[in-house]
Amino acid sequence: MVRKKWKRNELLEILDNEFLSTQEVLDTLQITKQALYSLVLRNKIEQVRKGSVKLYFRSDIEKRLIEQEALRKKYRPYDFKESSKEKV
């Protein structure tokens, strides 16, 4: 079996396009570290570990962002309603 020789910049591009760091996930989902680790423990988001580095699949995070918006609208509807003061 012949393995493809990847160029360094190709590998970095794959990492950038397909994975997010912990801080990028926190910023994207606007959640705390504790909330992120809770999602990982409950298998809502898959975590990839290599040594001490933790990465997350970008597609999982984008999917979770859509689900999270729906959940927030359901359980926190007051965040999405326009207040009567803003209309005046």
PDB file of N, CA and C in Angstrom:
ATOM      1  N   MET A   1       0.842  -1.178   0.000  1.00  0.00           N
ATOM      2  CA  MET A   1       0.000   0.000   0.000  1.00  0.00           C
ATOM      3  C   MET A   1       0.886   1.238   0.000  1.00  0.00           C
ATOM      4  N   VAL A   2       0.631   2.134  -0.926  1.00  0.00           N
ATOM      5  CA  VAL A   2       1.414   3.358  -1.048  1.00  0.00           C
ATOM      6  C   VAL A   2       0.668   4.495  -0.350  1.00  0.00           C
ATOM      7  N   ARG A   3       1.350   5.141   0.569  1.00  0.00           N
ATOM      8  CA  ARG A   3       0.746   6.276   1.282  1.00  0.00           C
ATOM      9  C   ARG A   3       1.030   7.559   0.530  1.00  0.00           C
ATOM     10  N   LYS A   4       0.034   8.393   0.457  1.00  0.00           N
ATOM     11  CA  LYS A   4       0.210   9.679  -0.215  1.00  0.00           C
ATOM     12  C   LYS A   4       1.077  10.573   0.657  1.00  0.00           C
ATOM     13  N   LYS A   5       2.017  11.237   0.040  1.00  0.00           N
ATOM     14  CA  LYS A   5       2.858  12.195   0.746  1.00  0.00           C
ATOM     15  C   LYS A   5       2.144  13.535   0.744  1.00  0.00           C
ATOM     16  N   TRP A   6       1.724  13.974   1.921  1.00  0.00           N
ATOM     17  CA  TRP A   6       1.045  15.257   2.050  1.00  0.00           C
ATOM     18  C   TRP A   6       2.086  16.348   2.239  1.00  0.00           C
ATOM     19  N   LYS A   7       1.828  17.461   1.612  1.00  0.00           N
ATOM     20  CA  LYS A   7       2.678  18.617   1.849  1.00  0.00           C
ATOM     21  C   LYS A   7       2.224  19.265   3.146  1.00  0.00           C
ATOM     22  N   ARG A   8       3.145  19.889   3.813  1.00  0.00           N
ATOM     23  CA  ARG A   8       2.865  20.507   5.108  1.00  0.00           C
ATOM     24  C   ARG A   8       1.718  21.518   5.023  1.00  0.00           C
ATOM     25  N   ASN A   9       1.733  22.355   3.998  1.00  0.00           N
ATOM     26  CA  ASN A   9       0.678  23.371   3.871  1.00  0.00           C
ATOM     27  C   ASN A   9      -0.679  22.735   3.573  1.00  0.00           C
ATOM     28  N   GLU A  10      -0.706  21.589   2.904  1.00  0.00           N
ATOM     29  CA  GLU A  10      -1.962  20.871   2.664  1.00  0.00           C
ATOM     30  C   GLU A  10      -2.544  20.357   3.983  1.00  0.00           C
ATOM     31  N   LEU A  11      -1.684  19.833   4.828  1.00  0.00           N
ATOM     32  CA  LEU A  11      -2.136  19.336   6.126  1.00  0.00           C
ATOM     33  C   LEU A  11      -2.664  20.468   7.005  1.00  0.00           C
ATOM     34  N   LEU A  12      -1.976  21.595   6.997  1.00  0.00           N
ATOM     35  CA  LEU A  12      -2.430  22.744   7.781  1.00  0.00           C
ATOM     36  C   LEU A  12      -3.773  23.265   7.261  1.00  0.00           C
ATOM     37  N   GLU A  13      -3.947  23.226   5.953  1.00  0.00           N
ATOM     38  CA  GLU A  13      -5.217  23.655   5.362  1.00  0.00           C
ATOM     39  C   GLU A  13      -6.359  22.714   5.783  1.00  0.00           C
ATOM     40  N   ILE A  14      -6.085  21.417   5.792  1.00  0.00           N
ATOM     41  CA  ILE A  14      -7.090  20.444   6.240  1.00  0.00           C
ATOM     42  C   ILE A  14      -7.441  20.701   7.701  1.00  0.00           C
ATOM     43  N   LEU A  15      -6.442  20.907   8.535  1.00  0.00           N
ATOM     44  CA  LEU A  15      -6.702  21.201   9.947  1.00  0.00           C
ATOM     45  C   LEU A  15      -7.565  22.450  10.103  1.00  0.00           C
ATOM     46  N   ASP A  16      -7.221  23.505   9.388  1.00  0.00           N
ATOM     47  CA  ASP A  16      -7.989  24.758   9.466  1.00  0.00           C
ATOM     48  C   ASP A  16      -9.415  24.596   8.975  1.00  0.00           C
ATOM     49  N   ASN A  17      -9.605  23.821   7.927  1.00  0.00           N
ATOM     50  CA  ASN A  17     -10.931  23.678   7.317  1.00  0.00           C
ATOM     51  C   ASN A  17     -11.830  22.685   8.039  1.00  0.00           C
ATOM     52  N   GLU A  18     -11.265  21.684   8.674  1.00  0.00           N
ATOM     53  CA  GLU A  18     -12.072  20.595   9.224  1.00  0.00           C
ATOM     54  C   GLU A  18     -12.157  20.547  10.748  1.00  0.00           C
ATOM     55  N   PHE A  19     -11.282  21.250  11.447  1.00  0.00           N
ATOM     56  CA  PHE A  19     -11.241  21.170  12.907  1.00  0.00           C
ATOM     57  C   PHE A  19     -11.249  22.552  13.538  1.00  0.00           C
ATOM     58  N   LEU A  20     -11.736  22.603  14.780  1.00  0.00           N
ATOM     59  CA  LEU A  20     -11.709  23.827  15.575  1.00  0.00           C
ATOM     60  C   LEU A  20     -11.036  23.542  16.907  1.00  0.00           C
ATOM     61  N   SER A  21     -10.357  24.539  17.436  1.00  0.00           N
ATOM     62  CA  SER A  21      -9.754  24.416  18.766  1.00  0.00           C
ATOM     63  C   SER A  21     -10.830  24.647  19.823  1.00  0.00           C
ATOM     64  N   THR A  22     -10.476  24.387  21.058  1.00  0.00           N
ATOM     65  CA  THR A  22     -11.416  24.595  22.157  1.00  0.00           C
ATOM     66  C   THR A  22     -11.889  26.047  22.195  1.00  0.00           C
ATOM     67  N   GLN A  23     -10.967  26.994  22.086  1.00  0.00           N
ATOM     68  CA  GLN A  23     -11.338  28.409  22.149  1.00  0.00           C
ATOM     69  C   GLN A  23     -12.235  28.803  20.975  1.00  0.00           C
ATOM     70  N   GLU A  24     -11.961  28.278  19.799  1.00  0.00           N
ATOM     71  CA  GLU A  24     -12.811  28.575  18.644  1.00  0.00           C
ATOM     72  C   GLU A  24     -14.228  28.046  18.853  1.00  0.00           C
ATOM     73  N   VAL A  25     -14.350  26.867  19.462  1.00  0.00           N
ATOM     74  CA  VAL A  25     -15.673  26.301  19.753  1.00  0.00           C
ATOM     75  C   VAL A  25     -16.404  27.168  20.766  1.00  0.00           C
ATOM     76  N   LEU A  26     -15.707  27.581  21.817  1.00  0.00           N
ATOM     77  CA  LEU A  26     -16.321  28.431  22.840  1.00  0.00           C
ATOM     78  C   LEU A  26     -16.822  29.737  22.229  1.00  0.00           C
ATOM     79  N   ASP A  27     -16.029  30.329  21.363  1.00  0.00           N
ATOM     80  CA  ASP A  27     -16.419  31.580  20.716  1.00  0.00           C
ATOM     81  C   ASP A  27     -17.587  31.382  19.753  1.00  0.00           C
ATOM     82  N   THR A  28     -17.565  30.295  19.001  1.00  0.00           N
ATOM     83  CA  THR A  28     -18.614  30.024  18.019  1.00  0.00           C
ATOM     84  C   THR A  28     -19.952  29.757  18.686  1.00  0.00           C
ATOM     85  N   LEU A  29     -19.942  28.903  19.699  1.00  0.00           N
ATOM     86  CA  LEU A  29     -21.189  28.523  20.371  1.00  0.00           C
ATOM     87  C   LEU A  29     -21.584  29.484  21.493  1.00  0.00           C
ATOM     88  N   GLN A  30     -20.661  30.363  21.866  1.00  0.00           N
ATOM     89  CA  GLN A  30     -20.888  31.321  22.959  1.00  0.00           C
ATOM     90  C   GLN A  30     -21.310  30.598  24.242  1.00  0.00           C
ATOM     91  N   ILE A  31     -20.480  29.624  24.613  1.00  0.00           N
ATOM     92  CA  ILE A  31     -20.729  28.852  25.830  1.00  0.00           C
ATOM     93  C   ILE A  31     -19.459  28.833  26.675  1.00  0.00           C
ATOM     94  N   THR A  32     -19.580  28.339  27.900  1.00  0.00           N
ATOM     95  CA  THR A  32     -18.436  28.234  28.800  1.00  0.00           C
ATOM     96  C   THR A  32     -17.705  26.909  28.565  1.00  0.00           C
ATOM     97  N   LYS A  33     -16.511  26.801  29.126  1.00  0.00           N
ATOM     98  CA  LYS A  33     -15.757  25.543  29.045  1.00  0.00           C
ATOM     99  C   LYS A  33     -16.536  24.409  29.697  1.00  0.00           C
ATOM    100  N   GLN A  34     -17.169  24.706  30.825  1.00  0.00           N
ATOM    101  CA  GLN A  34     -17.933  23.687  31.533  1.00  0.00           C
ATOM    102  C   GLN A  34     -19.068  23.169  30.663  1.00  0.00           C
ATOM    103  N   ALA A  35     -19.734  24.067  29.954  1.00  0.00           N
ATOM    104  CA  ALA A  35     -20.831  23.655  29.076  1.00  0.00           C
ATOM    105  C   ALA A  35     -20.299  22.798  27.926  1.00  0.00           C
ATOM    106  N   LEU A  36     -19.141  23.176  27.389  1.00  0.00           N
ATOM    107  CA  LEU A  36     -18.542  22.395  26.305  1.00  0.00           C
ATOM    108  C   LEU A  36     -18.197  20.990  26.783  1.00  0.00           C
ATOM    109  N   TYR A  37     -17.564  20.887  27.933  1.00  0.00           N
ATOM    110  CA  TYR A  37     -17.190  19.567  28.431  1.00  0.00           C
ATOM    111  C   TYR A  37     -18.418  18.731  28.774  1.00  0.00           C
ATOM    112  N   SER A  38     -19.478  19.375  29.192  1.00  0.00           N
ATOM    113  CA  SER A  38     -20.735  18.664  29.427  1.00  0.00           C
ATOM    114  C   SER A  38     -21.277  18.088  28.118  1.00  0.00           C
ATOM    115  N   LEU A  39     -21.207  18.874  27.049  1.00  0.00           N
ATOM    116  CA  LEU A  39     -21.648  18.385  25.732  1.00  0.00           C
ATOM    117  C   LEU A  39     -20.798  17.192  25.279  1.00  0.00           C
ATOM    118  N   VAL A  40     -19.507  17.259  25.540  1.00  0.00           N
ATOM    119  CA  VAL A  40     -18.599  16.161  25.171  1.00  0.00           C
ATOM    120  C   VAL A  40     -18.938  14.913  25.987  1.00  0.00           C
ATOM    121  N   LEU A  41     -19.125  15.075  27.296  1.00  0.00           N
ATOM    122  CA  LEU A  41     -19.445  13.930  28.154  1.00  0.00           C
ATOM    123  C   LEU A  41     -20.761  13.272  27.768  1.00  0.00           C
ATOM    124  N   ARG A  42     -21.718  14.074  27.300  1.00  0.00           N
ATOM    125  CA  ARG A  42     -23.025  13.540  26.908  1.00  0.00           C
ATOM    126  C   ARG A  42     -23.052  13.107  25.440  1.00  0.00           C
ATOM    127  N   ASN A  43     -21.872  13.067  24.804  1.00  0.00           N
ATOM    128  CA  ASN A  43     -21.721  12.637  23.405  1.00  0.00           C
ATOM    129  C   ASN A  43     -22.527  13.482  22.424  1.00  0.00           C
ATOM    130  N   LYS A  44     -22.699  14.752  22.731  1.00  0.00           N
ATOM    131  CA  LYS A  44     -23.370  15.674  21.807  1.00  0.00           C
ATOM    132  C   LYS A  44     -22.375  16.234  20.807  1.00  0.00           C
ATOM    133  N   ILE A  45     -21.114  16.308  21.247  1.00  0.00           N
ATOM    134  CA  ILE A  45     -20.018  16.794  20.396  1.00  0.00           C
ATOM    135  C   ILE A  45     -18.852  15.831  20.571  1.00  0.00           C
ATOM    136  N   GLU A  46     -18.237  15.453  19.462  1.00  0.00           N
ATOM    137  CA  GLU A  46     -17.084  14.545  19.525  1.00  0.00           C
ATOM    138  C   GLU A  46     -15.792  15.333  19.664  1.00  0.00           C
ATOM    139  N   GLN A  47     -14.956  14.876  20.580  1.00  0.00           N
ATOM    140  CA  GLN A  47     -13.669  15.505  20.827  1.00  0.00           C
ATOM    141  C   GLN A  47     -12.568  14.584  20.315  1.00  0.00           C
ATOM    142  N   VAL A  48     -11.607  15.154  19.587  1.00  0.00           N
ATOM    143  CA  VAL A  48     -10.468  14.395  19.084  1.00  0.00           C
ATOM    144  C   VAL A  48      -9.251  14.843  19.884  1.00  0.00           C
ATOM    145  N   ARG A  49      -8.550  13.870  20.473  1.00  0.00           N
ATOM    146  CA  ARG A  49      -7.385  14.191  21.285  1.00  0.00           C
ATOM    147  C   ARG A  49      -6.116  13.640  20.646  1.00  0.00           C
ATOM    148  N   LYS A  50      -5.094  14.465  20.673  1.00  0.00           N
ATOM    149  CA  LYS A  50      -3.757  14.045  20.271  1.00  0.00           C
ATOM    150  C   LYS A  50      -2.810  14.626  21.308  1.00  0.00           C
ATOM    151  N   GLY A  51      -2.400  13.784  22.236  1.00  0.00           N
ATOM    152  CA  GLY A  51      -1.605  14.289  23.356  1.00  0.00           C
ATOM    153  C   GLY A  51      -2.471  15.195  24.217  1.00  0.00           C
ATOM    154  N   SER A  52      -1.998  16.409  24.451  1.00  0.00           N
ATOM    155  CA  SER A  52      -2.756  17.347  25.274  1.00  0.00           C
ATOM    156  C   SER A  52      -3.649  18.262  24.440  1.00  0.00           C
ATOM    157  N   VAL A  53      -3.630  18.101  23.123  1.00  0.00           N
ATOM    158  CA  VAL A  53      -4.423  18.945  22.235  1.00  0.00           C
ATOM    159  C   VAL A  53      -5.807  18.343  22.032  1.00  0.00           C
ATOM    160  N   LYS A  54      -6.819  19.178  22.166  1.00  0.00           N
ATOM    161  CA  LYS A  54      -8.198  18.748  21.937  1.00  0.00           C
ATOM    162  C   LYS A  54      -8.750  19.514  20.752  1.00  0.00           C
ATOM    163  N   LEU A  55      -9.276  18.791  19.772  1.00  0.00           N
ATOM    164  CA  LEU A  55      -9.863  19.403  18.584  1.00  0.00           C
ATOM    165  C   LEU A  55     -11.288  18.897  18.414  1.00  0.00           C
ATOM    166  N   TYR A  56     -12.061  19.662  17.668  1.00  0.00           N
ATOM    167  CA  TYR A  56     -13.469  19.335  17.453  1.00  0.00           C
ATOM    168  C   TYR A  56     -13.761  19.460  15.962  1.00  0.00           C
ATOM    169  N   PHE A  57     -14.575  18.537  15.452  1.00  0.00           N
ATOM    170  CA  PHE A  57     -14.940  18.588  14.038  1.00  0.00           C
ATOM    171  C   PHE A  57     -15.782  19.826  13.766  1.00  0.00           C
ATOM    172  N   ARG A  58     -15.381  20.601  12.779  1.00  0.00           N
ATOM    173  CA  ARG A  58     -16.105  21.821  12.419  1.00  0.00           C
ATOM    174  C   ARG A  58     -17.556  21.515  12.068  1.00  0.00           C
ATOM    175  N   SER A  59     -17.802  20.424  11.361  1.00  0.00           N
ATOM    176  CA  SER A  59     -19.164  20.067  10.954  1.00  0.00           C
ATOM    177  C   SER A  59     -20.051  19.792  12.170  1.00  0.00           C
ATOM    178  N   ASP A  60     -19.484  19.150  13.212  1.00  0.00           N
ATOM    179  CA  ASP A  60     -20.239  18.902  14.448  1.00  0.00           C
ATOM    180  C   ASP A  60     -20.622  20.209  15.125  1.00  0.00           C
ATOM    181  N   ILE A  61     -19.697  21.154  15.135  1.00  0.00           N
ATOM    182  CA  ILE A  61     -19.940  22.436  15.800  1.00  0.00           C
ATOM    183  C   ILE A  61     -20.970  23.251  15.019  1.00  0.00           C
ATOM    184  N   GLU A  62     -20.882  23.240  13.701  1.00  0.00           N
ATOM    185  CA  GLU A  62     -21.862  23.963  12.888  1.00  0.00           C
ATOM    186  C   GLU A  62     -23.260  23.368  13.067  1.00  0.00           C
ATOM    187  N   LYS A  63     -23.340  22.047  13.138  1.00  0.00           N
ATOM    188  CA  LYS A  63     -24.617  21.374  13.376  1.00  0.00           C
ATOM    189  C   LYS A  63     -25.154  21.733  14.758  1.00  0.00           C
ATOM    190  N   ARG A  64     -24.289  21.735  15.757  1.00  0.00           N
ATOM    191  CA  ARG A  64     -24.699  22.069  17.115  1.00  0.00           C
ATOM    192  C   ARG A  64     -25.167  23.520  17.213  1.00  0.00           C
ATOM    193  N   LEU A  65     -24.546  24.404  16.466  1.00  0.00           N
ATOM    194  CA  LEU A  65     -24.937  25.816  16.477  1.00  0.00           C
ATOM    195  C   LEU A  65     -26.379  25.979  16.006  1.00  0.00           C
ATOM    196  N   ILE A  66     -26.753  25.246  14.971  1.00  0.00           N
ATOM    197  CA  ILE A  66     -28.130  25.292  14.455  1.00  0.00           C
ATOM    198  C   ILE A  66     -29.092  24.722  15.496  1.00  0.00           C
ATOM    199  N   GLU A  67     -28.736  23.584  16.074  1.00  0.00           N
ATOM    200  CA  GLU A  67     -29.573  22.962  17.107  1.00  0.00           C
ATOM    201  C   GLU A  67     -29.700  23.877  18.324  1.00  0.00           C
ATOM    202  N   GLN A  68     -28.603  24.502  18.686  1.00  0.00           N
ATOM    203  CA  GLN A  68     -28.578  25.365  19.860  1.00  0.00           C
ATOM    204  C   GLN A  68     -29.499  26.571  19.674  1.00  0.00           C
ATOM    205  N   GLU A  69     -29.516  27.136  18.485  1.00  0.00           N
ATOM    206  CA  GLU A  69     -30.402  28.267  18.210  1.00  0.00           C
ATOM    207  C   GLU A  69     -31.860  27.848  18.369  1.00  0.00           C
ATOM    208  N   ALA A  70     -32.192  26.679  17.876  1.00  0.00           N
ATOM    209  CA  ALA A  70     -33.567  26.179  18.007  1.00  0.00           C
ATOM    210  C   ALA A  70     -33.919  25.939  19.474  1.00  0.00           C
ATOM    211  N   LEU A  71     -32.987  25.363  20.234  1.00  0.00           N
ATOM    212  CA  LEU A  71     -33.225  25.117  21.652  1.00  0.00           C
ATOM    213  C   LEU A  71     -33.380  26.420  22.434  1.00  0.00           C
ATOM    214  N   ARG A  72     -32.575  27.401  22.099  1.00  0.00           N
ATOM    215  CA  ARG A  72     -32.691  28.686  22.789  1.00  0.00           C
ATOM    216  C   ARG A  72     -34.025  29.361  22.486  1.00  0.00           C
ATOM    217  N   LYS A  73     -34.481  29.254  21.252  1.00  0.00           N
ATOM    218  CA  LYS A  73     -35.788  29.828  20.912  1.00  0.00           C
ATOM    219  C   LYS A  73     -36.903  29.115  21.665  1.00  0.00           C
ATOM    220  N   LYS A  74     -36.747  27.825  21.864  1.00  0.00           N
ATOM    221  CA  LYS A  74     -37.771  27.049  22.552  1.00  0.00           C
ATOM    222  C   LYS A  74     -37.781  27.335  24.049  1.00  0.00           C
ATOM    223  N   TYR A  75     -36.593  27.328  24.671  1.00  0.00           N
ATOM    224  CA  TYR A  75     -36.518  27.432  26.123  1.00  0.00           C
ATOM    225  C   TYR A  75     -36.254  28.846  26.638  1.00  0.00           C
ATOM    226  N   ARG A  76     -35.884  29.766  25.748  1.00  0.00           N
ATOM    227  CA  ARG A  76     -35.647  31.149  26.146  1.00  0.00           C
ATOM    228  C   ARG A  76     -36.301  32.100  25.153  1.00  0.00           C
ATOM    229  N   PRO A  77     -37.603  31.978  24.965  1.00  0.00           N
ATOM    230  CA  PRO A  77     -38.276  32.785  23.940  1.00  0.00           C
ATOM    231  C   PRO A  77     -38.187  34.277  24.194  1.00  0.00           C
ATOM    232  N   TYR A  78     -38.032  34.673  25.451  1.00  0.00           N
ATOM    233  CA  TYR A  78     -37.938  36.091  25.781  1.00  0.00           C
ATOM    234  C   TYR A  78     -36.682  36.740  25.194  1.00  0.00           C
ATOM    235  N   ASP A  79     -35.678  35.961  24.858  1.00  0.00           N
ATOM    236  CA  ASP A  79     -34.476  36.499  24.211  1.00  0.00           C
ATOM    237  C   ASP A  79     -34.724  36.865  22.755  1.00  0.00           C
ATOM    238  N   PHE A  80     -35.801  36.350  22.170  1.00  0.00           N
ATOM    239  CA  PHE A  80     -36.039  36.530  20.741  1.00  0.00           C
ATOM    240  C   PHE A  80     -37.238  37.416  20.432  1.00  0.00           C
ATOM    241  N   LYS A  81     -38.017  37.762  21.436  1.00  0.00           N
ATOM    242  CA  LYS A  81     -39.172  38.628  21.225  1.00  0.00           C
ATOM    243  C   LYS A  81     -38.726  40.073  21.281  1.00  0.00           C
ATOM    244  N   GLU A  82     -39.301  40.867  20.386  1.00  0.00           N
ATOM    245  CA  GLU A  82     -39.016  42.287  20.425  1.00  0.00           C
ATOM    246  C   GLU A  82     -39.791  42.896  21.581  1.00  0.00           C
ATOM    247  N   SER A  83     -39.125  43.698  22.354  1.00  0.00           N
ATOM    248  CA  SER A  83     -39.845  44.336  23.461  1.00  0.00           C
ATOM    249  C   SER A  83     -40.637  45.518  22.933  1.00  0.00           C
ATOM    250  N   SER A  84     -41.689  45.858  23.601  1.00  0.00           N
ATOM    251  CA  SER A  84     -42.556  46.949  23.163  1.00  0.00           C
ATOM    252  C   SER A  84     -41.829  48.286  23.258  1.00  0.00           C
ATOM    253  N   LYS A  85     -40.810  48.381  24.115  1.00  0.00           N
ATOM    254  CA  LYS A  85     -40.048  49.608  24.245  1.00  0.00           C
ATOM    255  C   LYS A  85     -39.234  49.896  22.985  1.00  0.00           C
ATOM    256  N   GLU A  86     -38.743  48.866  22.317  1.00  0.00           N
ATOM    257  CA  GLU A  86     -37.942  49.051  21.110  1.00  0.00           C
ATOM    258  C   GLU A  86     -38.777  49.541  19.952  1.00  0.00           C
ATOM    259  N   LYS A  87     -40.055  49.241  19.941  1.00  0.00           N
ATOM    260  CA  LYS A  87     -40.943  49.630  18.837  1.00  0.00           C
ATOM    261  C   LYS A  87     -41.290  51.108  18.885  1.00  0.00           C
ATOM    262  N   VAL A  88     -41.216  51.704  20.065  1.00  0.00           N
ATOM    263  CA  VAL A  88     -41.618  53.117  20.219  1.00  0.00           C
ATOM    264  C   VAL A  88     -40.604  54.043  19.653  1.00  0.00           C
TER     265      VAL A  88
END
